[in-house]
Amino acid sequence: MSDMDAQSPPNRPVREKLSWGEQRDRRRRRRKAFEEVLGWILVPIILYVIWLLIQEAGGIPPEAIEFFKELVAHGSTALR
């Protein structure tokens, strides 16, 4: 080992320090990406669990189906 190797640290590129606004933007981008991934995983799981609970309870009653069909057909005036 030579004297040069022992004394000089490895050359690393100097990273430019980000301003507080740029740091905030990067954190926000990372958080939004994480929330998107979480949403794509959790929403289908939640919907599947709701579907399983409805099936376990015996399905949707025919009266409820007729009520919702009437709501769709007449819009918001059916509740007045």
Protein backbone atom coordinates (compact mmCIF):
# COMPACT_ATOMS: atom_id res chain seq x y z
CA MET A 1 0.00 0.00 0.00
CA SER A 2 1.45 3.37 -0.95
CA ASP A 3 1.26 6.59 1.05
CA MET A 4 -1.22 8.12 -1.44
CA ASP A 5 -3.73 5.31 -0.90
CA ALA A 6 -3.74 5.65 2.87
CA GLN A 7 -4.10 9.44 2.93
CA SER A 8 -6.66 10.32 0.26
CA PRO A 9 -10.30 9.33 0.64
CA PRO A 10 -12.08 7.93 -2.41
CA ASN A 11 -13.33 10.59 -4.79
CA ARG A 12 -17.09 10.86 -4.58
CA PRO A 13 -19.19 13.28 -6.58
CA VAL A 14 -20.31 16.22 -4.48
CA ARG A 15 -24.09 16.23 -4.13
CA GLU A 16 -25.77 19.55 -4.53
CA LYS A 17 -27.77 20.53 -1.45
CA LEU A 18 -31.47 20.87 -2.24
CA SER A 19 -33.47 23.87 -1.13
CA TRP A 20 -36.32 23.35 1.32
CA GLY A 21 -38.84 23.68 -1.50
CA GLU A 22 -37.16 21.01 -3.59
CA GLN A 23 -36.90 18.72 -0.57
CA ARG A 24 -40.62 19.22 0.11
CA ASP A 25 -41.48 18.50 -3.54
CA ARG A 26 -39.48 15.26 -3.48
CA ARG A 27 -41.12 14.15 -0.23
CA ARG A 28 -44.54 15.00 -1.67
CA ARG A 29 -43.83 13.02 -4.87
CA ARG A 30 -42.68 10.01 -2.85
CA ARG A 31 -45.74 10.21 -0.59
CA LYS A 32 -48.13 10.48 -3.53
CA ALA A 33 -46.53 7.48 -5.23
CA PHE A 34 -46.81 5.49 -1.98
CA GLU A 35 -50.46 6.46 -1.59
CA GLU A 36 -51.20 5.40 -5.18
CA VAL A 37 -49.64 1.98 -4.65
CA LEU A 38 -51.42 1.59 -1.34
CA GLY A 39 -54.72 2.54 -2.97
CA TRP A 40 -54.30 0.05 -5.79
CA ILE A 41 -53.76 -2.68 -3.20
CA LEU A 42 -56.18 -1.72 -0.43
CA VAL A 43 -59.25 -0.66 -2.42
CA PRO A 44 -59.73 -4.04 -4.16
CA ILE A 45 -59.20 -5.83 -0.84
CA ILE A 46 -61.79 -3.63 0.90
CA LEU A 47 -64.32 -4.12 -1.92
CA TYR A 48 -63.78 -7.89 -1.86
CA VAL A 49 -64.32 -8.01 1.92
CA ILE A 50 -67.53 -5.97 1.56
CA TRP A 51 -68.72 -8.36 -1.16
CA LEU A 52 -67.93 -11.36 1.09
CA LEU A 53 -69.87 -9.80 3.97
CA ILE A 54 -72.88 -9.18 1.73
CA GLN A 55 -72.76 -12.77 0.46
CA GLU A 56 -72.45 -14.09 4.01
CA ALA A 57 -75.50 -12.07 5.06
CA GLY A 58 -77.59 -13.67 2.32
CA GLY A 59 -77.13 -11.20 -0.50
CA ILE A 60 -78.92 -7.97 -1.23
CA PRO A 61 -82.68 -8.09 -0.54
CA PRO A 62 -84.91 -7.70 -3.64
CA GLU A 63 -86.66 -4.73 -2.03
CA ALA A 64 -83.35 -2.86 -1.82
CA ILE A 65 -82.59 -3.64 -5.46
CA GLU A 66 -86.00 -2.27 -6.52
CA PHE A 67 -85.48 0.84 -4.39
CA PHE A 68 -82.11 1.56 -5.99
CA LYS A 69 -83.51 0.95 -9.48
CA GLU A 70 -86.23 3.48 -8.71
CA LEU A 71 -83.65 5.98 -7.46
CA VAL A 72 -81.67 5.64 -10.68
CA ALA A 73 -84.76 5.87 -12.88
CA HIS A 74 -86.21 8.96 -11.20
CA GLY A 75 -83.07 10.68 -10.01
CA SER A 76 -83.06 12.59 -6.76
CA THR A 77 -86.84 13.32 -6.92
CA ALA A 78 -87.66 9.82 -5.59
CA LEU A 79 -86.54 10.80 -2.09
CA ARG A 80 -88.74 13.91 -1.84
